N, C-alpha and C. Protein backbone atom coordinates (compact mmCIF):
# COMPACT_ATOMS: atom_id res chain seq x y z
N MET A 1 -50.50 28.13 114.86
CA MET A 1 -50.40 26.65 114.49
C MET A 1 -50.81 26.02 113.40
N ARG A 2 -51.21 27.12 112.60
CA ARG A 2 -51.76 26.44 111.15
C ARG A 2 -50.53 26.38 110.37
N ARG A 3 -49.73 27.58 110.26
CA ARG A 3 -48.42 27.05 109.42
C ARG A 3 -47.76 25.87 109.78
N PRO A 4 -47.43 25.47 110.61
CA PRO A 4 -46.87 24.34 111.08
C PRO A 4 -47.24 22.99 110.60
N LEU A 5 -48.67 22.98 110.35
CA LEU A 5 -49.34 22.24 109.93
C LEU A 5 -49.58 22.27 108.44
N VAL A 6 -49.70 22.93 107.98
CA VAL A 6 -49.65 23.49 106.62
C VAL A 6 -48.27 22.71 106.19
N ALA A 7 -47.41 23.05 106.76
CA ALA A 7 -46.29 22.55 105.95
C ALA A 7 -45.73 21.24 106.43
N LEU A 8 -46.36 20.99 107.83
CA LEU A 8 -46.12 18.98 107.91
C LEU A 8 -47.14 18.44 106.66
N LEU A 9 -47.77 18.90 106.76
CA LEU A 9 -48.78 18.29 105.24
C LEU A 9 -48.26 18.33 104.01
N SER A 10 -47.97 19.20 103.60
CA SER A 10 -47.08 19.84 102.45
C SER A 10 -46.00 18.71 102.16
N GLY A 11 -45.36 18.88 103.36
CA GLY A 11 -43.89 17.89 103.41
C GLY A 11 -44.16 16.50 102.51
N PHE A 12 -45.38 16.03 103.56
CA PHE A 12 -45.71 14.50 103.36
C PHE A 12 -46.05 14.23 101.57
N ALA A 13 -47.01 15.45 101.32
CA ALA A 13 -47.65 15.27 100.27
C ALA A 13 -46.17 14.78 99.31
N LEU A 14 -45.68 15.98 99.23
CA LEU A 14 -44.09 16.23 98.40
C LEU A 14 -43.42 14.82 98.52
N ALA A 15 -43.40 14.29 99.85
CA ALA A 15 -42.75 12.97 100.04
C ALA A 15 -43.29 11.98 99.14
N SER A 16 -44.13 11.69 99.15
CA SER A 16 -45.43 11.10 98.56
C SER A 16 -45.38 10.71 96.96
N ALA A 17 -44.94 12.28 96.68
CA ALA A 17 -44.98 12.11 95.09
C ALA A 17 -43.73 11.84 95.03
N MET A 18 -42.95 11.78 95.18
CA MET A 18 -41.13 11.45 95.39
C MET A 18 -40.60 9.81 94.97
N THR A 19 -41.70 9.16 96.61
CA THR A 19 -41.41 8.20 96.65
C THR A 19 -41.96 7.22 95.77
N PRO A 20 -41.17 5.70 95.73
CA PRO A 20 -42.13 4.83 94.78
C PRO A 20 -43.48 4.32 94.93
N THR A 21 -44.23 4.37 93.68
CA THR A 21 -45.39 3.70 94.87
C THR A 21 -45.74 2.39 94.45
N ALA A 22 -46.65 1.85 95.18
CA ALA A 22 -46.65 0.44 95.28
C ALA A 22 -46.96 0.36 93.85
N VAL A 23 -46.27 -1.52 93.55
CA VAL A 23 -45.84 -1.83 92.36
C VAL A 23 -47.58 -2.50 92.23
N ARG A 24 -48.40 -2.17 91.00
CA ARG A 24 -49.45 -2.60 91.01
C ARG A 24 -49.53 -3.39 89.56
N ALA A 25 -49.99 -4.79 89.67
CA ALA A 25 -49.77 -5.72 88.22
C ALA A 25 -51.35 -6.21 88.19
N TRP A 26 -52.01 -6.49 87.10
CA TRP A 26 -53.32 -7.04 87.29
C TRP A 26 -53.49 -7.77 86.01
N ILE A 27 -54.29 -8.84 85.30
CA ILE A 27 -54.63 -9.22 84.68
C ILE A 27 -56.17 -8.83 84.38
N ASN A 28 -56.52 -8.71 83.42
CA ASN A 28 -58.12 -8.50 82.92
C ASN A 28 -58.21 -9.46 81.88
N THR A 29 -59.39 -10.00 81.93
CA THR A 29 -59.88 -11.14 80.86
C THR A 29 -61.18 -11.23 80.91
N GLU A 30 -61.45 -11.19 79.58
CA GLU A 30 -62.76 -10.96 78.45
C GLU A 30 -63.46 -11.39 77.87
N GLU A 31 -64.41 -12.04 77.80
CA GLU A 31 -64.92 -12.69 76.43
C GLU A 31 -65.23 -11.74 75.12
N ASP A 32 -64.10 -12.76 74.23
CA ASP A 32 -64.83 -11.78 72.91
C ASP A 32 -66.25 -12.07 72.29
N LEU A 33 -67.10 -11.14 72.43
CA LEU A 33 -68.69 -11.84 72.12
C LEU A 33 -68.48 -12.60 70.65
N LEU A 34 -67.62 -11.93 70.06
CA LEU A 34 -67.96 -12.26 68.11
C LEU A 34 -67.43 -13.88 68.24
N THR A 35 -66.18 -13.76 68.94
CA THR A 35 -65.37 -15.23 68.82
C THR A 35 -65.55 -16.48 69.76
N GLY A 36 -65.98 -15.99 70.79
CA GLY A 36 -66.06 -16.66 72.22
C GLY A 36 -65.26 -16.89 72.66
N LYS A 37 -63.71 -16.60 72.30
CA LYS A 37 -62.71 -16.98 73.43
C LYS A 37 -62.12 -15.45 73.97
N SER A 38 -61.20 -15.82 75.19
CA SER A 38 -60.87 -14.62 75.90
C SER A 38 -60.10 -13.81 75.69
N ASN A 39 -59.39 -12.61 75.81
CA ASN A 39 -58.96 -11.77 75.16
C ASN A 39 -58.34 -11.31 76.84
N SER A 40 -56.63 -11.31 77.26
CA SER A 40 -56.24 -10.91 78.44
C SER A 40 -55.37 -10.27 78.01
N THR A 41 -55.54 -9.01 79.09
CA THR A 41 -54.25 -8.08 79.18
C THR A 41 -53.70 -7.88 80.47
N LEU A 42 -52.39 -7.83 80.31
CA LEU A 42 -51.86 -7.68 81.59
C LEU A 42 -50.92 -6.59 81.97
N PHE A 43 -51.26 -5.47 82.71
CA PHE A 43 -50.62 -4.23 83.40
C PHE A 43 -50.06 -4.17 84.30
N ILE A 44 -48.85 -3.93 84.01
CA ILE A 44 -47.63 -3.36 85.38
C ILE A 44 -47.46 -2.02 85.27
N ASP A 45 -47.90 -1.69 86.24
CA ASP A 45 -47.23 -0.18 86.82
C ASP A 45 -45.94 -0.19 86.52
N SER A 46 -45.24 1.27 86.75
CA SER A 46 -43.70 1.59 87.27
C SER A 46 -43.52 1.50 88.60
N ILE A 47 -42.52 1.61 89.39
CA ILE A 47 -42.41 2.02 90.22
C ILE A 47 -41.82 3.12 91.14
N ASN A 48 -41.90 3.85 89.98
CA ASN A 48 -41.79 5.17 90.11
C ASN A 48 -42.35 6.10 89.59
N ASN A 49 -43.19 7.35 89.66
CA ASN A 49 -43.48 7.87 88.63
C ASN A 49 -42.91 9.40 88.52
N VAL A 50 -43.35 10.09 86.88
CA VAL A 50 -43.00 11.02 85.99
C VAL A 50 -43.67 11.89 86.34
N SER A 51 -43.98 13.25 85.73
CA SER A 51 -44.20 14.32 85.37
C SER A 51 -45.04 13.76 83.91
N ASN A 52 -46.57 13.94 84.25
CA ASN A 52 -47.50 13.68 83.14
C ASN A 52 -47.12 14.92 82.35
N SER A 53 -48.08 14.91 80.83
CA SER A 53 -48.12 16.33 80.11
C SER A 53 -48.62 17.75 81.23
N ILE A 54 -49.28 17.41 81.99
CA ILE A 54 -49.36 18.72 82.93
C ILE A 54 -49.00 19.08 84.07
N GLY A 55 -48.18 17.94 84.60
CA GLY A 55 -47.03 17.83 85.47
C GLY A 55 -47.42 17.60 86.68
N GLN A 56 -48.36 16.45 86.61
CA GLN A 56 -48.72 15.98 87.77
C GLN A 56 -48.44 14.34 87.66
N PRO A 57 -47.50 14.17 88.79
CA PRO A 57 -47.01 12.46 89.10
C PRO A 57 -47.99 11.20 88.77
N GLU A 58 -47.26 10.57 87.94
CA GLU A 58 -47.98 9.25 87.36
C GLU A 58 -47.15 8.41 87.02
N GLU A 59 -47.54 7.21 87.02
CA GLU A 59 -46.60 5.93 86.59
C GLU A 59 -47.08 5.81 85.10
N ALA A 60 -45.82 4.94 84.35
CA ALA A 60 -45.62 4.76 83.12
C ALA A 60 -46.38 3.24 83.19
N THR A 61 -47.17 2.50 82.47
CA THR A 61 -47.99 1.06 82.59
C THR A 61 -47.30 0.16 80.86
N ILE A 62 -46.97 -1.13 81.57
CA ILE A 62 -46.39 -2.06 80.26
C ILE A 62 -47.69 -2.71 80.54
N LEU A 63 -48.29 -2.75 78.95
CA LEU A 63 -49.32 -3.54 79.14
C LEU A 63 -49.12 -4.52 78.19
N ILE A 64 -49.38 -6.01 77.97
CA ILE A 64 -49.14 -7.02 77.71
C ILE A 64 -50.63 -7.65 76.74
N ARG A 65 -50.63 -7.51 75.50
CA ARG A 65 -52.16 -7.82 75.36
C ARG A 65 -52.96 -9.24 73.94
N CYS A 66 -53.13 -9.95 74.72
CA CYS A 66 -53.25 -11.27 74.06
C CYS A 66 -54.66 -11.37 73.39
N LYS A 67 -55.05 -11.86 72.62
CA LYS A 67 -56.59 -11.95 71.82
C LYS A 67 -56.46 -13.26 71.23
N GLY A 68 -57.88 -13.85 71.97
CA GLY A 68 -57.94 -15.42 71.23
C GLY A 68 -57.15 -16.17 71.75
N GLY A 69 -56.48 -16.01 72.52
CA GLY A 69 -55.36 -17.04 72.81
C GLY A 69 -53.51 -17.07 72.12
N LYS A 70 -53.46 -15.71 72.02
CA LYS A 70 -52.18 -15.10 70.49
C LYS A 70 -52.04 -13.96 71.39
N LEU A 71 -50.53 -13.66 71.49
CA LEU A 71 -49.67 -12.85 71.65
C LEU A 71 -50.62 -11.38 70.67
N GLN A 72 -51.15 -10.59 70.82
CA GLN A 72 -51.06 -9.28 70.27
C GLN A 72 -50.19 -8.33 70.14
N ASP A 73 -49.69 -7.54 71.28
CA ASP A 73 -48.44 -6.86 71.16
C ASP A 73 -48.08 -6.75 72.69
N ILE A 74 -47.04 -6.02 73.26
CA ILE A 74 -46.77 -5.27 74.24
C ILE A 74 -46.76 -3.90 73.73
N TYR A 75 -46.81 -3.00 74.53
CA TYR A 75 -46.51 -1.48 74.68
C TYR A 75 -46.55 -1.27 75.98
N VAL A 76 -45.89 0.36 75.91
CA VAL A 76 -45.79 0.78 77.12
C VAL A 76 -46.69 2.39 76.99
N LYS A 77 -47.62 2.53 77.67
CA LYS A 77 -48.36 3.98 77.83
C LYS A 77 -47.72 4.36 78.67
N THR A 78 -47.29 5.79 78.23
CA THR A 78 -46.49 6.55 79.10
C THR A 78 -47.45 7.85 79.46
N PRO A 79 -46.88 8.22 80.61
CA PRO A 79 -48.09 9.56 80.91
C PRO A 79 -48.30 11.11 80.39
N THR A 80 -47.56 11.07 79.25
CA THR A 80 -47.00 12.15 78.40
C THR A 80 -47.06 11.61 77.28
N TYR A 81 -47.46 13.18 76.40
CA TYR A 81 -47.64 12.99 74.87
C TYR A 81 -45.96 13.01 74.65
N ASN A 82 -46.06 11.74 73.72
CA ASN A 82 -44.68 11.85 72.59
C ASN A 82 -44.50 12.42 71.03
N ALA A 83 -45.59 12.70 70.21
CA ALA A 83 -45.47 12.76 69.07
C ALA A 83 -45.16 11.81 68.15
N ASP A 84 -44.06 12.10 67.46
CA ASP A 84 -43.13 10.70 66.98
C ASP A 84 -42.07 10.44 67.36
N ASN A 85 -41.52 10.70 68.48
CA ASN A 85 -40.37 10.23 69.51
C ASN A 85 -40.32 8.79 69.53
N ARG A 86 -39.68 8.25 68.63
CA ARG A 86 -40.11 7.00 68.74
C ARG A 86 -38.96 6.07 69.30
N ARG A 87 -37.34 6.98 69.85
CA ARG A 87 -36.72 6.05 70.75
C ARG A 87 -36.50 6.29 72.01
N VAL A 88 -36.49 5.05 72.41
CA VAL A 88 -36.22 4.51 73.90
C VAL A 88 -35.28 3.33 74.42
N LYS A 89 -34.63 3.97 75.54
CA LYS A 89 -33.78 3.43 76.04
C LYS A 89 -34.56 2.29 77.04
N LEU A 90 -33.42 1.17 77.13
CA LEU A 90 -33.44 0.14 77.68
C LEU A 90 -32.49 -0.58 78.59
N ARG A 91 -32.73 -0.83 79.99
CA ARG A 91 -32.20 -1.28 81.04
C ARG A 91 -32.24 -2.43 81.53
N TRP A 92 -31.98 -3.69 81.06
CA TRP A 92 -32.18 -5.05 81.82
C TRP A 92 -31.57 -5.26 82.93
N ASP A 93 -32.17 -5.36 83.97
CA ASP A 93 -31.29 -5.86 85.31
C ASP A 93 -30.48 -4.63 85.45
N ASP A 94 -29.12 -5.16 85.48
CA ASP A 94 -27.23 -4.26 86.05
C ASP A 94 -26.93 -4.31 84.89
N GLY A 95 -27.51 -4.70 83.14
CA GLY A 95 -26.93 -4.63 82.26
C GLY A 95 -26.70 -3.24 81.41
N GLU A 96 -26.33 -3.21 80.31
CA GLU A 96 -25.82 -1.70 79.70
C GLU A 96 -27.25 -1.27 78.74
N VAL A 97 -27.18 -0.23 78.81
CA VAL A 97 -28.03 0.72 78.34
C VAL A 97 -28.14 0.39 76.45
N LYS A 98 -29.36 -0.03 76.27
CA LYS A 98 -29.36 -0.06 74.70
C LYS A 98 -30.68 0.93 74.25
N GLY A 99 -30.10 1.32 73.10
CA GLY A 99 -31.27 2.00 72.65
C GLY A 99 -31.92 1.46 71.32
N ARG A 100 -33.35 1.66 71.77
CA ARG A 100 -34.18 0.57 70.44
C ARG A 100 -34.94 2.26 69.62
N TRP A 101 -35.67 1.81 68.55
CA TRP A 101 -36.94 2.58 68.07
C TRP A 101 -37.83 1.29 68.00
N TRP A 102 -39.14 1.85 68.53
CA TRP A 102 -40.21 1.15 68.62
C TRP A 102 -41.19 2.10 67.56
N GLU A 103 -42.70 1.70 67.86
CA GLU A 103 -43.20 2.27 67.17
C GLU A 103 -44.41 3.04 67.69
N GLU A 104 -45.00 3.73 67.41
CA GLU A 104 -45.78 4.81 68.05
C GLU A 104 -47.42 4.42 67.74
N SER A 105 -48.01 5.05 68.87
CA SER A 105 -49.52 4.67 69.43
C SER A 105 -50.19 6.00 68.06
N SER A 106 -51.16 6.10 66.95
CA SER A 106 -51.90 6.80 66.71
C SER A 106 -52.05 7.84 68.08
N SER A 107 -52.44 8.12 69.42
CA SER A 107 -52.50 9.16 70.15
C SER A 107 -51.49 9.41 70.72
N GLY A 108 -49.89 9.14 69.99
CA GLY A 108 -49.05 9.62 70.82
C GLY A 108 -48.68 9.32 71.79
N THR A 109 -49.18 8.29 72.91
CA THR A 109 -49.03 8.46 74.46
C THR A 109 -48.62 7.21 74.69
N ALA A 110 -48.28 6.40 73.78
CA ALA A 110 -47.96 4.87 73.85
C ALA A 110 -46.73 4.26 72.54
N LEU A 111 -46.17 3.89 73.34
CA LEU A 111 -44.88 3.02 72.11
C LEU A 111 -45.07 1.90 72.80
N PHE A 112 -45.13 0.96 70.92
CA PHE A 112 -45.00 -0.53 71.01
C PHE A 112 -43.43 -1.26 70.93
N ALA A 113 -43.70 -2.46 71.25
CA ALA A 113 -42.37 -2.71 71.07
C ALA A 113 -42.21 -3.74 69.44
N PRO A 114 -41.17 -3.33 69.43
CA PRO A 114 -41.28 -3.81 67.64
C PRO A 114 -41.18 -5.52 67.47
N ARG A 115 -40.57 -6.26 68.23
CA ARG A 115 -40.61 -7.57 68.55
C ARG A 115 -41.01 -8.13 69.79
N PRO A 116 -42.55 -8.12 69.83
CA PRO A 116 -43.22 -8.73 71.16
C PRO A 116 -43.14 -10.15 71.62
N VAL A 117 -42.65 -11.19 71.05
CA VAL A 117 -41.99 -12.15 71.59
C VAL A 117 -41.04 -12.08 72.29
N GLU A 118 -40.21 -11.86 71.34
CA GLU A 118 -38.39 -11.61 72.38
C GLU A 118 -38.71 -10.88 73.28
N PHE A 119 -39.57 -9.28 73.38
CA PHE A 119 -39.53 -8.58 74.53
C PHE A 119 -40.32 -9.32 75.25
N PHE A 120 -41.30 -9.99 75.57
CA PHE A 120 -41.64 -11.13 76.47
C PHE A 120 -41.03 -11.46 77.19
N LYS A 121 -40.01 -12.89 76.05
CA LYS A 121 -39.33 -13.78 76.68
C LYS A 121 -38.59 -12.31 78.00
N LYS A 122 -38.09 -11.58 77.74
CA LYS A 122 -36.80 -11.07 78.12
C LYS A 122 -38.08 -10.44 79.82
N LEU A 123 -39.10 -10.18 79.62
CA LEU A 123 -39.69 -9.52 80.57
C LEU A 123 -39.67 -10.90 81.60
N THR A 124 -40.05 -11.65 81.08
CA THR A 124 -40.08 -13.30 82.27
C THR A 124 -38.99 -13.78 82.61
N THR A 125 -37.52 -13.15 82.06
CA THR A 125 -36.55 -13.81 82.53
C THR A 125 -35.39 -12.76 83.29
N HIS A 126 -35.97 -11.41 83.55
CA HIS A 126 -35.17 -10.67 84.12
C HIS A 126 -36.07 -9.96 85.21
N ASP A 127 -35.44 -9.80 85.94
CA ASP A 127 -36.18 -8.75 87.24
C ASP A 127 -36.11 -7.53 87.24
N ARG A 128 -35.87 -6.68 86.52
CA ARG A 128 -35.75 -5.55 86.37
C ARG A 128 -35.39 -4.88 85.13
N LEU A 129 -36.16 -3.86 84.83
CA LEU A 129 -36.36 -3.42 83.53
C LEU A 129 -36.55 -1.35 83.47
N VAL A 130 -35.70 -0.94 83.45
CA VAL A 130 -35.32 0.52 83.16
C VAL A 130 -35.73 1.16 81.50
N TRP A 131 -36.64 1.82 81.66
CA TRP A 131 -36.84 2.46 80.41
C TRP A 131 -37.12 3.70 80.09
N ALA A 132 -36.16 4.07 78.90
CA ALA A 132 -36.74 5.78 78.92
C ALA A 132 -36.94 6.20 77.46
N TRP A 133 -37.59 7.33 78.00
CA TRP A 133 -38.07 7.81 76.33
C TRP A 133 -38.30 9.76 76.34
N ASN A 134 -38.24 10.14 75.58
CA ASN A 134 -38.30 11.56 75.02
C ASN A 134 -39.82 11.90 74.60
N PRO A 135 -40.66 12.51 75.58
CA PRO A 135 -41.80 13.04 75.20
C PRO A 135 -41.62 14.39 74.17
N TYR A 136 -42.76 14.83 74.17
CA TYR A 136 -42.45 16.34 73.27
C TYR A 136 -42.19 17.29 73.61
N GLN A 137 -41.28 17.82 73.43
CA GLN A 137 -40.83 19.36 74.01
C GLN A 137 -40.35 18.83 75.41
N LYS A 138 -39.89 17.75 75.61
CA LYS A 138 -39.20 18.19 77.33
C LYS A 138 -38.74 17.20 77.45
N ALA A 139 -37.85 17.18 78.43
CA ALA A 139 -36.39 16.14 78.73
C ALA A 139 -36.96 14.68 78.98
N GLU A 140 -35.53 13.94 78.66
CA GLU A 140 -35.97 12.37 79.23
C GLU A 140 -36.40 11.89 80.69
N GLN A 141 -37.79 11.09 80.06
CA GLN A 141 -37.95 11.17 81.28
C GLN A 141 -37.50 8.94 81.40
N VAL A 142 -37.63 8.46 82.46
CA VAL A 142 -37.21 7.42 83.12
C VAL A 142 -38.48 6.62 84.01
N VAL A 143 -38.12 5.45 84.19
CA VAL A 143 -39.45 4.54 84.68
C VAL A 143 -38.80 3.38 84.61
N ALA A 144 -38.94 2.78 85.76
CA ALA A 144 -38.27 1.59 86.49
C ALA A 144 -39.29 0.72 86.60
N PHE A 145 -39.31 -0.64 86.52
CA PHE A 145 -40.27 -1.72 85.98
C PHE A 145 -39.93 -2.84 87.20
N ASN A 146 -40.54 -3.48 88.33
CA ASN A 146 -40.61 -4.66 88.86
C ASN A 146 -40.47 -6.03 88.77
N LEU A 147 -39.72 -6.69 87.66
CA LEU A 147 -40.53 -7.44 86.98
C LEU A 147 -40.45 -9.23 87.78
N ALA A 148 -39.61 -9.17 88.69
CA ALA A 148 -39.80 -10.09 89.76
C ALA A 148 -40.98 -10.41 90.60
N SER A 149 -41.50 -9.40 91.25
CA SER A 149 -42.29 -9.29 92.01
C SER A 149 -43.84 -9.59 90.98
N GLU A 150 -43.38 -9.20 89.97
CA GLU A 150 -44.63 -9.96 88.84
C GLU A 150 -44.69 -11.02 87.80
N ARG A 151 -43.74 -11.96 88.52
CA ARG A 151 -43.37 -13.08 87.68
C ARG A 151 -44.23 -13.95 87.62
N ASP A 152 -45.73 -14.62 88.59
CA ASP A 152 -46.18 -15.02 88.79
C ASP A 152 -47.61 -14.43 87.39
N ASP A 153 -47.91 -13.44 87.60
CA ASP A 153 -48.72 -12.75 86.48
C ASP A 153 -47.89 -12.83 85.28
N LEU A 154 -47.08 -12.69 84.91
CA LEU A 154 -46.03 -12.70 83.53
C LEU A 154 -46.48 -14.16 83.03
N ASN A 155 -46.23 -14.99 84.09
CA ASN A 155 -46.27 -16.98 83.68
C ASN A 155 -47.37 -17.18 83.26
N LYS A 156 -48.58 -16.31 83.90
CA LYS A 156 -49.87 -16.63 83.49
C LYS A 156 -50.03 -15.96 82.27
N MET A 157 -49.02 -14.98 82.09
CA MET A 157 -50.37 -14.23 80.71
C MET A 157 -48.99 -15.44 79.53
N VAL A 158 -48.12 -15.73 79.77
CA VAL A 158 -47.73 -16.45 78.30
C VAL A 158 -48.17 -18.08 78.43
N THR A 159 -49.16 -18.36 79.47
CA THR A 159 -50.30 -19.52 78.76
C THR A 159 -51.19 -19.13 78.23
N LEU A 160 -51.40 -18.01 78.74
CA LEU A 160 -53.23 -16.83 78.27
C LEU A 160 -52.92 -17.08 76.85
N CYS A 161 -51.68 -16.17 76.37
CA CYS A 161 -51.27 -15.68 75.62
C CYS A 161 -50.79 -17.16 74.17
N GLY A 162 -50.22 -18.17 75.04
CA GLY A 162 -49.86 -19.74 74.16
C GLY A 162 -48.51 -18.81 73.82
N VAL A 163 -47.80 -17.92 74.34
CA VAL A 163 -46.11 -18.15 73.39
C VAL A 163 -45.58 -19.06 74.36
N THR A 164 -44.69 -19.71 73.15
CA THR A 164 -43.55 -20.31 73.25
C THR A 164 -41.99 -19.61 72.96
N PHE A 165 -41.51 -19.74 73.93
CA PHE A 165 -39.40 -18.89 73.28
C PHE A 165 -38.98 -19.82 73.19
N LYS A 166 -38.51 -19.41 71.90
CA LYS A 166 -37.36 -21.03 71.38
C LYS A 166 -36.06 -20.39 72.17
N PRO A 167 -35.25 -21.73 72.78
CA PRO A 167 -33.90 -21.88 73.45
C PRO A 167 -33.05 -20.29 73.28
N ASP A 168 -32.55 -19.66 74.40
CA ASP A 168 -31.14 -18.98 73.74
C ASP A 168 -30.23 -20.02 73.27
N LYS A 169 -29.71 -19.52 72.40
CA LYS A 169 -28.09 -19.97 71.56
C LYS A 169 -27.10 -19.73 72.49
N PRO A 170 -26.35 -20.70 73.39
CA PRO A 170 -25.41 -20.35 73.93
C PRO A 170 -24.28 -19.60 73.48
N LYS A 171 -24.14 -18.63 74.23
CA LYS A 171 -22.53 -17.75 74.50
C LYS A 171 -21.63 -18.63 73.56
N GLY A 172 -21.43 -17.61 72.52
CA GLY A 172 -20.32 -18.23 71.76
C GLY A 172 -20.37 -19.24 70.72
N SER A 173 -21.70 -19.89 70.73
CA SER A 173 -21.81 -20.77 69.53
C SER A 173 -21.80 -20.20 68.15
N SER A 174 -21.63 -20.92 67.20
CA SER A 174 -21.79 -20.72 66.13
C SER A 174 -22.91 -21.59 65.26
N GLN A 175 -23.93 -21.17 64.34
CA GLN A 175 -24.00 -22.39 63.43
C GLN A 175 -23.44 -23.63 62.91
N SER A 176 -23.71 -25.17 62.75
CA SER A 176 -23.31 -26.11 62.91
C SER A 176 -22.67 -25.75 61.23
N VAL A 177 -21.53 -26.13 61.27
CA VAL A 177 -20.88 -25.66 59.86
C VAL A 177 -20.09 -27.47 59.23
N LYS A 178 -20.70 -27.96 58.55
CA LYS A 178 -20.33 -29.20 58.37
C LYS A 178 -18.75 -29.16 57.47
N SER A 179 -18.57 -30.13 57.93
CA SER A 179 -17.23 -29.79 57.10
C SER A 179 -17.18 -30.80 55.97
N SER A 180 -16.06 -30.29 54.73
CA SER A 180 -16.01 -31.03 53.95
C SER A 180 -15.78 -32.28 53.54
N GLY A 181 -14.63 -32.27 54.85
CA GLY A 181 -14.01 -34.08 54.68
C GLY A 181 -12.91 -33.71 54.19
N ARG A 182 -12.30 -33.04 53.64
CA ARG A 182 -10.90 -32.72 53.33
C ARG A 182 -10.06 -32.83 54.35
N GLY A 183 -8.70 -32.94 53.96
CA GLY A 183 -7.60 -32.79 55.16
C GLY A 183 -7.19 -31.08 54.59
N ARG A 184 -6.60 -30.90 55.42
CA ARG A 184 -5.90 -29.87 55.94
C ARG A 184 -4.83 -29.59 54.83
């Protein structure tokens, strides 16, 4: 009787490690004792787990940090040690996969978005981000973030960070060119 029960419980444990985790996002706001201003961080966990550096399932987390009402940085904390592997791949919604170089953290476990305001805008205007990286001496890891379910928190952070986005240039448009007034 014990063997079927152990097998059943093992199956549940394996299935729970392979199924997407409940999306967790939260904003932490604290007062900076030196300045009296608020510092806020939004944490968005990935919807799936990958193996961390010791083989345990863990999610990656996007962190958006604002200090004193200004955007400080955006980075992805990975559950793995990455050394100086800075190349990441991104796929917004159902778009094409694009490779980018990000900055590594001193701990080797996080990668920073090179243009945080531009990246922040994409986070607020897309429903899903698939993000891939290469941990140190391991195969590429891939996580997905459900941004649509975190829209309210993302919009709160836009306000908390005092971020304003430039409007997108319409596709196919170019800079206005003044005519010299000469005939053809």
